[in-house]
């Protein structure tokens, strides 16, 4: 399997402001966000805080990005990743429509019920 891109944990939080304050005390800094969400960074460690957007914490990979959210010139497109995962017999919870290009995502669930999002932004 090729590199899946940048890695982060997306946390389903109950109170975004309280979660931001908590993670700042651990040494994370706000790195951008929007209504109901904030990305927090400490060096190459990334945590996404999402209030009311999903039920469970999600393991997230971003093809095409470095750990510092910089664009990579060459990377495995999420559609290529989808084909490789399916060829290995993995069942996907959501797939990219064939014949598309650009931003897209796929999801799968590990044996313990942990959701994994492979989210390509470009």
PDB file of N, CA and C in Angstrom:
ATOM      1  N   UNK A   1       0.864  -1.177   0.000  1.00  0.00           N
ATOM      2  CA  UNK A   1       0.000   0.000   0.000  1.00  0.00           C
ATOM      3  C   UNK A   1       0.898   1.224   0.000  1.00  0.00           C
ATOM      4  N   UNK A   2       0.524   2.198  -0.787  1.00  0.00           N
ATOM      5  CA  UNK A   2       1.278   3.449  -0.838  1.00  0.00           C
ATOM      6  C   UNK A   2       0.965   4.296   0.388  1.00  0.00           C
ATOM      7  N   UNK A   3       1.707   5.354   0.550  1.00  0.00           N
ATOM      8  CA  UNK A   3       1.517   6.274   1.667  1.00  0.00           C
ATOM      9  C   UNK A   3       0.113   6.866   1.621  1.00  0.00           C
ATOM     10  N   UNK A   4      -0.559   6.899   2.746  1.00  0.00           N
ATOM     11  CA  UNK A   4      -1.921   7.427   2.817  1.00  0.00           C
ATOM     12  C   UNK A   4      -1.958   8.928   3.066  1.00  0.00           C
ATOM     13  N   UNK A   5      -0.801   9.553   3.216  1.00  0.00           N
ATOM     14  CA  UNK A   5      -0.749  10.996   3.431  1.00  0.00           C
ATOM     15  C   UNK A   5      -0.678  11.369   4.893  1.00  0.00           C
ATOM     16  N   UNK A   6      -0.995  12.621   5.169  1.00  0.00           N
ATOM     17  CA  UNK A   6      -0.937  13.149   6.530  1.00  0.00           C
ATOM     18  C   UNK A   6      -1.892  12.377   7.435  1.00  0.00           C
ATOM     19  N   UNK A   7      -1.502  12.233   8.699  1.00  0.00           N
ATOM     20  CA  UNK A   7      -2.294  11.492   9.678  1.00  0.00           C
ATOM     21  C   UNK A   7      -2.765  12.438  10.769  1.00  0.00           C
ATOM     22  N   UNK A   8      -4.007  12.274  11.182  1.00  0.00           N
ATOM     23  CA  UNK A   8      -4.524  13.001  12.338  1.00  0.00           C
ATOM     24  C   UNK A   8      -5.650  12.197  12.976  1.00  0.00           C
ATOM     25  N   UNK A   9      -6.009  12.615  14.154  1.00  0.00           N
ATOM     26  CA  UNK A   9      -7.171  12.060  14.838  1.00  0.00           C
ATOM     27  C   UNK A   9      -8.239  13.151  14.835  1.00  0.00           C
ATOM     28  N   UNK A  10      -9.425  12.810  14.403  1.00  0.00           N
ATOM     29  CA  UNK A  10     -10.553  13.737  14.425  1.00  0.00           C
ATOM     30  C   UNK A  10     -11.430  13.358  15.606  1.00  0.00           C
ATOM     31  N   UNK A  11     -11.510  14.253  16.581  1.00  0.00           N
ATOM     32  CA  UNK A  11     -12.245  13.963  17.810  1.00  0.00           C
ATOM     33  C   UNK A  11     -13.632  14.583  17.788  1.00  0.00           C
ATOM     34  N   UNK A  12     -14.627  13.793  18.122  1.00  0.00           N
ATOM     35  CA  UNK A  12     -15.991  14.282  18.290  1.00  0.00           C
ATOM     36  C   UNK A  12     -16.066  14.875  19.696  1.00  0.00           C
ATOM     37  N   UNK A  13     -16.172  16.202  19.790  1.00  0.00           N
ATOM     38  CA  UNK A  13     -16.158  16.868  21.094  1.00  0.00           C
ATOM     39  C   UNK A  13     -17.542  17.433  21.425  1.00  0.00           C
ATOM     40  N   UNK A  14     -17.801  17.572  22.720  1.00  0.00           N
ATOM     41  CA  UNK A  14     -19.093  18.102  23.176  1.00  0.00           C
ATOM     42  C   UNK A  14     -19.078  19.619  23.295  1.00  0.00           C
ATOM     43  N   UNK A  15     -17.916  20.188  23.635  1.00  0.00           N
ATOM     44  CA  UNK A  15     -17.789  21.637  23.835  1.00  0.00           C
ATOM     45  C   UNK A  15     -16.473  22.070  23.193  1.00  0.00           C
ATOM     46  N   UNK A  16     -16.554  22.664  22.010  1.00  0.00           N
ATOM     47  CA  UNK A  16     -15.369  23.019  21.242  1.00  0.00           C
ATOM     48  C   UNK A  16     -14.449  23.950  22.016  1.00  0.00           C
ATOM     49  N   UNK A  17     -15.002  24.992  22.639  1.00  0.00           N
ATOM     50  CA  UNK A  17     -14.164  25.951  23.371  1.00  0.00           C
ATOM     51  C   UNK A  17     -13.419  25.281  24.519  1.00  0.00           C
ATOM     52  N   UNK A  18     -14.089  24.398  25.248  1.00  0.00           N
ATOM     53  CA  UNK A  18     -13.444  23.694  26.354  1.00  0.00           C
ATOM     54  C   UNK A  18     -12.349  22.767  25.838  1.00  0.00           C
ATOM     55  N   UNK A  19     -12.604  22.115  24.711  1.00  0.00           N
ATOM     56  CA  UNK A  19     -11.612  21.203  24.135  1.00  0.00           C
ATOM     57  C   UNK A  19     -10.400  21.970  23.628  1.00  0.00           C
ATOM     58  N   UNK A  20     -10.622  23.116  22.992  1.00  0.00           N
ATOM     59  CA  UNK A  20      -9.495  23.938  22.534  1.00  0.00           C
ATOM     60  C   UNK A  20      -8.636  24.349  23.728  1.00  0.00           C
ATOM     61  N   UNK A  21      -9.268  24.826  24.785  1.00  0.00           N
ATOM     62  CA  UNK A  21      -8.533  25.257  25.984  1.00  0.00           C
ATOM     63  C   UNK A  21      -7.734  24.093  26.573  1.00  0.00           C
ATOM     64  N   UNK A  22      -8.320  22.905  26.621  1.00  0.00           N
ATOM     65  CA  UNK A  22      -7.643  21.734  27.164  1.00  0.00           C
ATOM     66  C   UNK A  22      -6.399  21.401  26.341  1.00  0.00           C
ATOM     67  N   UNK A  23      -6.553  21.309  25.021  1.00  0.00           N
ATOM     68  CA  UNK A  23      -5.434  20.913  24.175  1.00  0.00           C
ATOM     69  C   UNK A  23      -4.358  21.994  24.104  1.00  0.00           C
ATOM     70  N   UNK A  24      -4.744  23.259  24.268  1.00  0.00           N
ATOM     71  CA  UNK A  24      -3.738  24.320  24.355  1.00  0.00           C
ATOM     72  C   UNK A  24      -2.870  24.128  25.595  1.00  0.00           C
ATOM     73  N   UNK A  25      -3.473  23.690  26.704  1.00  0.00           N
ATOM     74  CA  UNK A  25      -2.706  23.437  27.920  1.00  0.00           C
ATOM     75  C   UNK A  25      -1.723  22.280  27.744  1.00  0.00           C
ATOM     76  N   UNK A  26      -2.028  21.369  26.800  1.00  0.00           N
ATOM     77  CA  UNK A  26      -1.096  20.272  26.496  1.00  0.00           C
ATOM     78  C   UNK A  26       0.012  20.710  25.549  1.00  0.00           C
ATOM     79  N   UNK A  27      -0.099  21.921  25.002  1.00  0.00           N
ATOM     80  CA  UNK A  27       0.919  22.436  24.101  1.00  0.00           C
ATOM     81  C   UNK A  27       0.508  22.529  22.644  1.00  0.00           C
ATOM     82  N   UNK A  28      -0.740  22.192  22.324  1.00  0.00           N
ATOM     83  CA  UNK A  28      -1.225  22.318  20.950  1.00  0.00           C
ATOM     84  C   UNK A  28      -1.587  23.777  20.679  1.00  0.00           C
ATOM     85  N   UNK A  29      -1.490  24.174  19.422  1.00  0.00           N
ATOM     86  CA  UNK A  29      -1.881  25.520  19.003  1.00  0.00           C
ATOM     87  C   UNK A  29      -2.945  25.419  17.920  1.00  0.00           C
ATOM     88  N   UNK A  30      -3.881  26.368  17.948  1.00  0.00           N
ATOM     89  CA  UNK A  30      -4.911  26.411  16.904  1.00  0.00           C
ATOM     90  C   UNK A  30      -4.237  26.644  15.553  1.00  0.00           C
ATOM     91  N   UNK A  31      -4.654  25.866  14.555  1.00  0.00           N
ATOM     92  CA  UNK A  31      -4.022  25.949  13.233  1.00  0.00           C
ATOM     93  C   UNK A  31      -5.041  26.198  12.131  1.00  0.00           C
ATOM     94  N   UNK A  32      -6.222  26.612  12.496  1.00  0.00           N
ATOM     95  CA  UNK A  32      -7.254  26.898  11.503  1.00  0.00           C
ATOM     96  C   UNK A  32      -8.515  26.121  11.794  1.00  0.00           C
ATOM     97  N   UNK A  33      -9.622  26.730  11.485  1.00  0.00           N
ATOM     98  CA  UNK A  33     -10.886  26.061  11.739  1.00  0.00           C
ATOM     99  C   UNK A  33     -12.040  26.817  11.120  1.00  0.00           C
ATOM    100  N   UNK A  34     -13.213  26.509  11.593  1.00  0.00           N
ATOM    101  CA  UNK A  34     -14.429  27.113  11.077  1.00  0.00           C
ATOM    102  C   UNK A  34     -15.549  26.917  12.070  1.00  0.00           C
ATOM    103  N   UNK A  35     -16.764  27.072  11.603  1.00  0.00           N
ATOM    104  CA  UNK A  35     -17.936  26.915  12.461  1.00  0.00           C
ATOM    105  C   UNK A  35     -18.003  25.491  12.997  1.00  0.00           C
ATOM    106  N   UNK A  36     -17.760  25.317  14.297  1.00  0.00           N
ATOM    107  CA  UNK A  36     -17.886  24.016  14.933  1.00  0.00           C
ATOM    108  C   UNK A  36     -16.673  23.110  14.858  1.00  0.00           C
ATOM    109  N   UNK A  37     -15.536  23.624  14.346  1.00  0.00           N
ATOM    110  CA  UNK A  37     -14.359  22.756  14.273  1.00  0.00           C
ATOM    111  C   UNK A  37     -13.066  23.570  14.357  1.00  0.00           C
ATOM    112  N   UNK A  38     -12.000  22.900  14.807  1.00  0.00           N
ATOM    113  CA  UNK A  38     -10.685  23.528  14.911  1.00  0.00           C
ATOM    114  C   UNK A  38      -9.609  22.456  14.756  1.00  0.00           C
ATOM    115  N   UNK A  39      -8.609  22.759  13.941  1.00  0.00           N
ATOM    116  CA  UNK A  39      -7.441  21.888  13.823  1.00  0.00           C
ATOM    117  C   UNK A  39      -6.399  22.408  14.805  1.00  0.00           C
ATOM    118  N   UNK A  40      -5.806  21.500  15.560  1.00  0.00           N
ATOM    119  CA  UNK A  40      -4.799  21.844  16.564  1.00  0.00           C
ATOM    120  C   UNK A  40      -3.496  21.131  16.202  1.00  0.00           C
ATOM    121  N   UNK A  41      -2.364  21.848  16.330  1.00  0.00           N
ATOM    122  CA  UNK A  41      -1.058  21.277  15.989  1.00  0.00           C
ATOM    123  C   UNK A  41      -0.063  21.450  17.132  1.00  0.00           C
ATOM    124  N   UNK A  42       0.792  20.448  17.257  1.00  0.00           N
ATOM    125  CA  UNK A  42       1.962  20.511  18.119  1.00  0.00           C
ATOM    126  C   UNK A  42       3.068  19.835  17.311  1.00  0.00           C
ATOM    127  N   UNK A  43       3.910  20.638  16.655  1.00  0.00           N
ATOM    128  CA  UNK A  43       4.902  20.063  15.756  1.00  0.00           C
ATOM    129  C   UNK A  43       4.188  19.345  14.630  1.00  0.00           C
ATOM    130  N   UNK A  44       4.510  18.057  14.456  1.00  0.00           N
ATOM    131  CA  UNK A  44       3.848  17.293  13.396  1.00  0.00           C
ATOM    132  C   UNK A  44       2.650  16.491  13.899  1.00  0.00           C
ATOM    133  N   UNK A  45       2.256  16.726  15.137  1.00  0.00           N
ATOM    134  CA  UNK A  45       1.082  16.057  15.693  1.00  0.00           C
ATOM    135  C   UNK A  45      -0.156  16.909  15.418  1.00  0.00           C
ATOM    136  N   UNK A  46      -1.224  16.278  14.922  1.00  0.00           N
ATOM    137  CA  UNK A  46      -2.426  17.017  14.537  1.00  0.00           C
ATOM    138  C   UNK A  46      -3.661  16.354  15.140  1.00  0.00           C
ATOM    139  N   UNK A  47      -4.495  17.187  15.753  1.00  0.00           N
ATOM    140  CA  UNK A  47      -5.783  16.749  16.290  1.00  0.00           C
ATOM    141  C   UNK A  47      -6.842  17.680  15.701  1.00  0.00           C
ATOM    142  N   UNK A  48      -7.890  17.110  15.164  1.00  0.00           N
ATOM    143  CA  UNK A  48      -9.037  17.893  14.718  1.00  0.00           C
ATOM    144  C   UNK A  48     -10.132  17.783  15.762  1.00  0.00           C
ATOM    145  N   UNK A  49     -10.686  18.913  16.159  1.00  0.00           N
ATOM    146  CA  UNK A  49     -11.774  18.943  17.132  1.00  0.00           C
ATOM    147  C   UNK A  49     -13.052  19.315  16.395  1.00  0.00           C
ATOM    148  N   UNK A  50     -14.085  18.478  16.497  1.00  0.00           N
ATOM    149  CA  UNK A  50     -15.318  18.678  15.739  1.00  0.00           C
ATOM    150  C   UNK A  50     -16.520  18.563  16.669  1.00  0.00           C
ATOM    151  N   UNK A  51     -17.233  19.657  16.850  1.00  0.00           N
ATOM    152  CA  UNK A  51     -18.397  19.673  17.725  1.00  0.00           C
ATOM    153  C   UNK A  51     -19.668  19.427  16.920  1.00  0.00           C
ATOM    154  N   UNK A  52     -20.367  18.333  17.253  1.00  0.00           N
ATOM    155  CA  UNK A  52     -21.650  18.047  16.644  1.00  0.00           C
ATOM    156  C   UNK A  52     -21.606  17.601  15.188  1.00  0.00           C
ATOM    157  N   UNK A  53     -20.455  17.191  14.690  1.00  0.00           N
ATOM    158  CA  UNK A  53     -20.349  16.822  13.281  1.00  0.00           C
ATOM    159  C   UNK A  53     -20.398  15.320  13.046  1.00  0.00           C
ATOM    160  N   UNK A  54     -19.975  14.534  14.032  1.00  0.00           N
ATOM    161  CA  UNK A  54     -20.056  13.086  13.919  1.00  0.00           C
ATOM    162  C   UNK A  54     -20.071  12.486  15.307  1.00  0.00           C
ATOM    163  N   UNK A  55     -20.450  11.201  15.386  1.00  0.00           N
ATOM    164  CA  UNK A  55     -20.667  10.552  16.675  1.00  0.00           C
ATOM    165  C   UNK A  55     -19.401   9.999  17.306  1.00  0.00           C
ATOM    166  N   UNK A  56     -18.497   9.470  16.488  1.00  0.00           N
ATOM    167  CA  UNK A  56     -17.319   8.790  17.011  1.00  0.00           C
ATOM    168  C   UNK A  56     -16.045   9.508  16.576  1.00  0.00           C
ATOM    169  N   UNK A  57     -14.976   9.263  17.311  1.00  0.00           N
ATOM    170  CA  UNK A  57     -13.661   9.736  16.895  1.00  0.00           C
ATOM    171  C   UNK A  57     -13.280   9.006  15.609  1.00  0.00           C
ATOM    172  N   UNK A  58     -12.520   9.678  14.749  1.00  0.00           N
ATOM    173  CA  UNK A  58     -12.172   9.118  13.450  1.00  0.00           C
ATOM    174  C   UNK A  58     -10.667   9.220  13.214  1.00  0.00           C
ATOM    175  N   UNK A  59     -10.082   8.130  12.755  1.00  0.00           N
ATOM    176  CA  UNK A  59      -8.697   8.147  12.294  1.00  0.00           C
ATOM    177  C   UNK A  59      -8.734   8.737  10.891  1.00  0.00           C
ATOM    178  N   UNK A  60      -7.908   9.750  10.627  1.00  0.00           N
ATOM    179  CA  UNK A  60      -7.971  10.457   9.351  1.00  0.00           C
ATOM    180  C   UNK A  60      -6.629  10.457   8.641  1.00  0.00           C
ATOM    181  N   UNK A  61      -6.661  10.207   7.337  1.00  0.00           N
ATOM    182  CA  UNK A  61      -5.491  10.317   6.466  1.00  0.00           C
ATOM    183  C   UNK A  61      -5.844  11.278   5.346  1.00  0.00           C
ATOM    184  N   UNK A  62      -4.875  12.100   4.923  1.00  0.00           N
ATOM    185  CA  UNK A  62      -5.091  13.062   3.839  1.00  0.00           C
ATOM    186  C   UNK A  62      -4.066  12.854   2.732  1.00  0.00           C
ATOM    187  N   UNK A  63      -4.433  12.071   1.690  1.00  0.00           N
ATOM    188  CA  UNK A  63      -3.529  11.920   0.548  1.00  0.00           C
ATOM    189  C   UNK A  63      -3.225  13.281  -0.077  1.00  0.00           C
ATOM    190  N   UNK A  64      -1.986  13.474  -0.496  1.00  0.00           N
ATOM    191  CA  UNK A  64      -1.600  14.725  -1.146  1.00  0.00           C
ATOM    192  C   UNK A  64      -1.078  15.781  -0.206  1.00  0.00           C
ATOM    193  N   UNK A  65      -1.066  15.502   1.086  1.00  0.00           N
ATOM    194  CA  UNK A  65      -0.570  16.452   2.082  1.00  0.00           C
ATOM    195  C   UNK A  65       0.574  15.852   2.868  1.00  0.00           C
ATOM    196  N   UNK A  66       1.523  16.717   3.252  1.00  0.00           N
ATOM    197  CA  UNK A  66       2.531  16.339   4.236  1.00  0.00           C
ATOM    198  C   UNK A  66       1.894  16.475   5.613  1.00  0.00           C
ATOM    199  N   UNK A  67       2.603  16.060   6.631  1.00  0.00           N
ATOM    200  CA  UNK A  67       2.097  16.190   7.994  1.00  0.00           C
ATOM    201  C   UNK A  67       1.914  17.659   8.377  1.00  0.00           C
ATOM    202  N   UNK A  68       2.606  18.565   7.674  1.00  0.00           N
ATOM    203  CA  UNK A  68       2.463  19.998   7.918  1.00  0.00           C
ATOM    204  C   UNK A  68       1.417  20.663   7.038  1.00  0.00           C
ATOM    205  N   UNK A  69       0.539  19.864   6.401  1.00  0.00           N
ATOM    206  CA  UNK A  69      -0.547  20.342   5.533  1.00  0.00           C
ATOM    207  C   UNK A  69      -0.027  21.075   4.298  1.00  0.00           C
ATOM    208  N   UNK A  70       1.151  20.671   3.816  1.00  0.00           N
ATOM    209  CA  UNK A  70       1.694  21.221   2.576  1.00  0.00           C
ATOM    210  C   UNK A  70       1.377  20.252   1.454  1.00  0.00           C
ATOM    211  N   UNK A  71       1.081  20.786   0.272  1.00  0.00           N
ATOM    212  CA  UNK A  71       0.755  19.944  -0.874  1.00  0.00           C
ATOM    213  C   UNK A  71       1.965  19.160  -1.353  1.00  0.00           C
ATOM    214  N   UNK A  72       1.735  17.891  -1.680  1.00  0.00           N
ATOM    215  CA  UNK A  72       2.758  17.042  -2.288  1.00  0.00           C
ATOM    216  C   UNK A  72       2.579  17.077  -3.801  1.00  0.00           C
ATOM    217  N   UNK A  73       3.683  17.101  -4.526  1.00  0.00           N
ATOM    218  CA  UNK A  73       3.611  17.066  -5.988  1.00  0.00           C
ATOM    219  C   UNK A  73       3.059  15.728  -6.474  1.00  0.00           C
ATOM    220  N   UNK A  74       3.578  14.638  -5.920  1.00  0.00           N
ATOM    221  CA  UNK A  74       3.148  13.301  -6.319  1.00  0.00           C
ATOM    222  C   UNK A  74       2.563  12.580  -5.120  1.00  0.00           C
ATOM    223  N   UNK A  75       1.431  11.927  -5.344  1.00  0.00           N
ATOM    224  CA  UNK A  75       0.787  11.161  -4.283  1.00  0.00           C
ATOM    225  C   UNK A  75      -0.210  10.199  -4.905  1.00  0.00           C
ATOM    226  N   UNK A  76      -0.584   9.189  -4.136  1.00  0.00           N
ATOM    227  CA  UNK A  76      -1.592   8.224  -4.585  1.00  0.00           C
ATOM    228  C   UNK A  76      -2.971   8.858  -4.431  1.00  0.00           C
ATOM    229  N   UNK A  77      -3.663   9.043  -5.549  1.00  0.00           N
ATOM    230  CA  UNK A  77      -5.013   9.581  -5.534  1.00  0.00           C
ATOM    231  C   UNK A  77      -5.924   8.641  -4.731  1.00  0.00           C
ATOM    232  N   UNK A  78      -6.907   9.207  -4.057  1.00  0.00           N
ATOM    233  CA  UNK A  78      -7.814   8.419  -3.229  1.00  0.00           C
ATOM    234  C   UNK A  78      -8.505   7.314  -4.041  1.00  0.00           C
ATOM    235  N   UNK A  79      -8.685   7.527  -5.334  1.00  0.00           N
ATOM    236  CA  UNK A  79      -9.305   6.501  -6.182  1.00  0.00           C
ATOM    237  C   UNK A  79      -8.373   5.301  -6.344  1.00  0.00           C
ATOM    238  N   UNK A  80      -7.079   5.562  -6.428  1.00  0.00           N
ATOM    239  CA  UNK A  80      -6.084   4.496  -6.491  1.00  0.00           C
ATOM    240  C   UNK A  80      -6.043   3.741  -5.162  1.00  0.00           C
ATOM    241  N   UNK A  81      -6.094   4.489  -4.068  1.00  0.00           N
ATOM    242  CA  UNK A  81      -6.123   3.875  -2.738  1.00  0.00           C
ATOM    243  C   UNK A  81      -7.364   2.991  -2.622  1.00  0.00           C
ATOM    244  N   UNK A  82      -8.516   3.489  -3.083  1.00  0.00           N
ATOM    245  CA  UNK A  82      -9.764   2.725  -3.046  1.00  0.00           C
ATOM    246  C   UNK A  82      -9.608   1.398  -3.782  1.00  0.00           C
ATOM    247  N   UNK A  83      -9.053   1.423  -4.987  1.00  0.00           N
ATOM    248  CA  UNK A  83      -8.868   0.202  -5.775  1.00  0.00           C
ATOM    249  C   UNK A  83      -7.981  -0.793  -5.040  1.00  0.00           C
ATOM    250  N   UNK A  84      -6.882  -0.310  -4.463  1.00  0.00           N
ATOM    251  CA  UNK A  84      -5.946  -1.198  -3.763  1.00  0.00           C
ATOM    252  C   UNK A  84      -6.596  -1.823  -2.527  1.00  0.00           C
ATOM    253  N   UNK A  85      -7.359  -1.027  -1.781  1.00  0.00           N
ATOM    254  CA  UNK A  85      -8.019  -1.562  -0.589  1.00  0.00           C
ATOM    255  C   UNK A  85      -9.045  -2.624  -0.962  1.00  0.00           C
ATOM    256  N   UNK A  86      -9.833  -2.357  -1.994  1.00  0.00           N
ATOM    257  CA  UNK A  86     -10.837  -3.325  -2.434  1.00  0.00           C
ATOM    258  C   UNK A  86     -10.180  -4.590  -2.974  1.00  0.00           C
ATOM    259  N   UNK A  87      -9.049  -4.452  -3.671  1.00  0.00           N
ATOM    260  CA  UNK A  87      -8.319  -5.607  -4.193  1.00  0.00           C
ATOM    261  C   UNK A  87      -7.800  -6.489  -3.061  1.00  0.00           C
ATOM    262  N   UNK A  88      -7.577  -5.887  -1.891  1.00  0.00           N
ATOM    263  CA  UNK A  88      -7.124  -6.637  -0.717  1.00  0.00           C
ATOM    264  C   UNK A  88      -8.290  -7.229   0.064  1.00  0.00           C
ATOM    265  N   UNK A  89      -9.510  -7.032  -0.444  1.00  0.00           N
ATOM    266  CA  UNK A  89     -10.681  -7.612   0.188  1.00  0.00           C
ATOM    267  C   UNK A  89     -11.298  -6.776   1.290  1.00  0.00           C
ATOM    268  N   UNK A  90     -10.886  -5.523   1.422  1.00  0.00           N
ATOM    269  CA  UNK A  90     -11.469  -4.667   2.452  1.00  0.00           C
ATOM    270  C   UNK A  90     -12.792  -4.088   1.962  1.00  0.00           C
ATOM    271  N   UNK A  91     -13.763  -4.062   2.859  1.00  0.00           N
ATOM    272  CA  UNK A  91     -15.069  -3.500   2.550  1.00  0.00           C
ATOM    273  C   UNK A  91     -15.059  -2.024   2.922  1.00  0.00           C
ATOM    274  N   UNK A  92     -15.505  -1.171   2.007  1.00  0.00           N
ATOM    275  CA  UNK A  92     -15.544   0.264   2.257  1.00  0.00           C
ATOM    276  C   UNK A  92     -16.950   0.680   2.658  1.00  0.00           C
ATOM    277  N   UNK A  93     -17.039   1.563   3.645  1.00  0.00           N
ATOM    278  CA  UNK A  93     -18.326   2.079   4.089  1.00  0.00           C
ATOM    279  C   UNK A  93     -18.832   3.159   3.138  1.00  0.00           C
ATOM    280  N   UNK A  94     -17.910   3.869   2.500  1.00  0.00           N
ATOM    281  CA  UNK A  94     -18.266   4.824   1.451  1.00  0.00           C
ATOM    282  C   UNK A  94     -17.148   4.826   0.424  1.00  0.00           C
ATOM    283  N   UNK A  95     -17.522   5.060  -0.827  1.00  0.00           N
ATOM    284  CA  UNK A  95     -16.567   5.000  -1.932  1.00  0.00           C
ATOM    285  C   UNK A  95     -16.639   6.251  -2.781  1.00  0.00           C
ATOM    286  N   UNK A  96     -15.595   6.441  -3.589  1.00  0.00           N
ATOM    287  CA  UNK A  96     -15.566   7.528  -4.568  1.00  0.00           C
ATOM    288  C   UNK A  96     -16.216   7.014  -5.846  1.00  0.00           C
ATOM    289  N   UNK A  97     -17.031   7.838  -6.453  1.00  0.00           N
ATOM    290  CA  UNK A  97     -17.686   7.472  -7.704  1.00  0.00           C
ATOM    291  C   UNK A  97     -16.650   7.347  -8.820  1.00  0.00           C
ATOM    292  N   UNK A  98     -16.766   6.312  -9.616  1.00  0.00           N
ATOM    293  CA  UNK A  98     -15.842   6.075 -10.733  1.00  0.00           C
ATOM    294  C   UNK A  98     -15.906   7.227 -11.727  1.00  0.00           C
ATOM    295  N   UNK A  99     -14.766   7.529 -12.337  1.00  0.00           N
ATOM    296  CA  UNK A  99     -14.697   8.545 -13.367  1.00  0.00           C
ATOM    297  C   UNK A  99     -14.616   9.970 -12.855  1.00  0.00           C
ATOM    298  N   UNK A 100     -14.476  10.151 -11.564  1.00  0.00           N
ATOM    299  CA  UNK A 100     -14.368  11.498 -10.998  1.00  0.00           C
ATOM    300  C   UNK A 100     -12.898  11.856 -10.795  1.00  0.00           C
ATOM    301  N   UNK A 101     -12.644  13.101 -10.460  1.00  0.00           N
ATOM    302  CA  UNK A 101     -11.290  13.538 -10.127  1.00  0.00           C
ATOM    303  C   UNK A 101     -11.381  14.635  -9.077  1.00  0.00           C
ATOM    304  N   UNK A 102     -10.246  14.968  -8.491  1.00  0.00           N
ATOM    305  CA  UNK A 102     -10.207  16.036  -7.499  1.00  0.00           C
ATOM    306  C   UNK A 102     -10.558  15.572  -6.105  1.00  0.00           C
ATOM    307  N   UNK A 103     -11.011  16.512  -5.256  1.00  0.00           N
ATOM    308  CA  UNK A 103     -11.307  16.190  -3.861  1.00  0.00           C
ATOM    309  C   UNK A 103     -12.341  15.069  -3.741  1.00  0.00           C
ATOM    310  N   UNK A 104     -12.074  14.144  -2.829  1.00  0.00           N
ATOM    311  CA  UNK A 104     -12.988  13.024  -2.582  1.00  0.00           C
ATOM    312  C   UNK A 104     -12.539  12.299  -1.329  1.00  0.00           C
ATOM    313  N   UNK A 105     -13.410  11.452  -0.816  1.00  0.00           N
ATOM    314  CA  UNK A 105     -13.039  10.676   0.366  1.00  0.00           C
ATOM    315  C   UNK A 105     -13.673   9.298   0.327  1.00  0.00           C
ATOM    316  N   UNK A 106     -13.047   8.400   1.059  1.00  0.00           N
ATOM    317  CA  UNK A 106     -13.588   7.065   1.276  1.00  0.00           C
ATOM    318  C   UNK A 106     -13.530   6.785   2.775  1.00  0.00           C
ATOM    319  N   UNK A 107     -14.366   5.878   3.233  1.00  0.00           N
ATOM    320  CA  UNK A 107     -14.323   5.477   4.633  1.00  0.00           C
ATOM    321  C   UNK A 107     -14.362   3.965   4.735  1.00  0.00           C
ATOM    322  N   UNK A 108     -13.745   3.478   5.784  1.00  0.00           N
ATOM    323  CA  UNK A 108     -13.819   2.077   6.133  1.00  0.00           C
ATOM    324  C   UNK A 108     -13.813   1.983   7.644  1.00  0.00           C
ATOM    325  N   UNK A 109     -14.081   0.815   8.160  1.00  0.00           N
ATOM    326  CA  UNK A 109     -14.173   0.606   9.603  1.00  0.00           C
ATOM    327  C   UNK A 109     -13.269  -0.555   9.961  1.00  0.00           C
ATOM    328  N   UNK A 110     -12.431  -0.361  10.996  1.00  0.00           N
ATOM    329  CA  UNK A 110     -11.537  -1.442  11.398  1.00  0.00           C
ATOM    330  C   UNK A 110     -12.305  -2.512  12.172  1.00  0.00           C
ATOM    331  N   UNK A 111     -11.679  -3.646  12.486  1.00  0.00           N
ATOM    332  CA  UNK A 111     -12.400  -4.748  13.151  1.00  0.00           C
ATOM    333  C   UNK A 111     -13.018  -4.389  14.503  1.00  0.00           C
ATOM    334  N   UNK A 112     -12.532  -3.301  15.131  1.00  0.00           N
ATOM    335  CA  UNK A 112     -13.073  -2.889  16.423  1.00  0.00           C
ATOM    336  C   UNK A 112     -14.114  -1.776  16.308  1.00  0.00           C
ATOM    337  N   UNK A 113     -14.515  -1.460  15.077  1.00  0.00           N
ATOM    338  CA  UNK A 113     -15.541  -0.447  14.871  1.00  0.00           C
ATOM    339  C   UNK A 113     -15.033   0.976  14.770  1.00  0.00           C
ATOM    340  N   UNK A 114     -13.702   1.157  14.692  1.00  0.00           N
ATOM    341  CA  UNK A 114     -13.140   2.496  14.573  1.00  0.00           C
ATOM    342  C   UNK A 114     -13.222   2.972  13.128  1.00  0.00           C
ATOM    343  N   UNK A 115     -13.878   4.094  12.885  1.00  0.00           N
ATOM    344  CA  UNK A 115     -13.969   4.604  11.517  1.00  0.00           C
ATOM    345  C   UNK A 115     -12.628   5.182  11.062  1.00  0.00           C
ATOM    346  N   UNK A 116     -12.315   4.974   9.786  1.00  0.00           N
ATOM    347  CA  UNK A 116     -11.105   5.506   9.162  1.00  0.00           C
ATOM    348  C   UNK A 116     -11.550   6.297   7.937  1.00  0.00           C
ATOM    349  N   UNK A 117     -11.150   7.558   7.889  1.00  0.00           N
ATOM    350  CA  UNK A 117     -11.479   8.449   6.786  1.00  0.00           C
ATOM    351  C   UNK A 117     -10.211   8.710   5.977  1.00  0.00           C
ATOM    352  N   UNK A 118     -10.279   8.484   4.689  1.00  0.00           N
ATOM    353  CA  UNK A 118      -9.191   8.841   3.780  1.00  0.00           C
ATOM    354  C   UNK A 118      -9.742   9.960   2.925  1.00  0.00           C
ATOM    355  N   UNK A 119      -9.310  11.192   3.241  1.00  0.00           N
ATOM    356  CA  UNK A 119      -9.934  12.414   2.746  1.00  0.00           C
ATOM    357  C   UNK A 119      -8.930  13.234   1.942  1.00  0.00           C
ATOM    358  N   UNK A 120      -9.120  13.251   0.628  1.00  0.00           N
ATOM    359  CA  UNK A 120      -8.234  13.975  -0.279  1.00  0.00           C
ATOM    360  C   UNK A 120      -8.826  15.353  -0.550  1.00  0.00           C
ATOM    361  N   UNK A 121      -8.044  16.404  -0.296  1.00  0.00           N
ATOM    362  CA  UNK A 121      -8.550  17.771  -0.415  1.00  0.00           C
ATOM    363  C   UNK A 121      -8.348  18.414  -1.782  1.00  0.00           C
ATOM    364  N   UNK A 122      -7.564  17.762  -2.666  1.00  0.00           N
ATOM    365  CA  UNK A 122      -7.344  18.371  -3.982  1.00  0.00           C
ATOM    366  C   UNK A 122      -7.298  17.342  -5.052  1.00  0.00           C
TER     367      UNK A 122
END
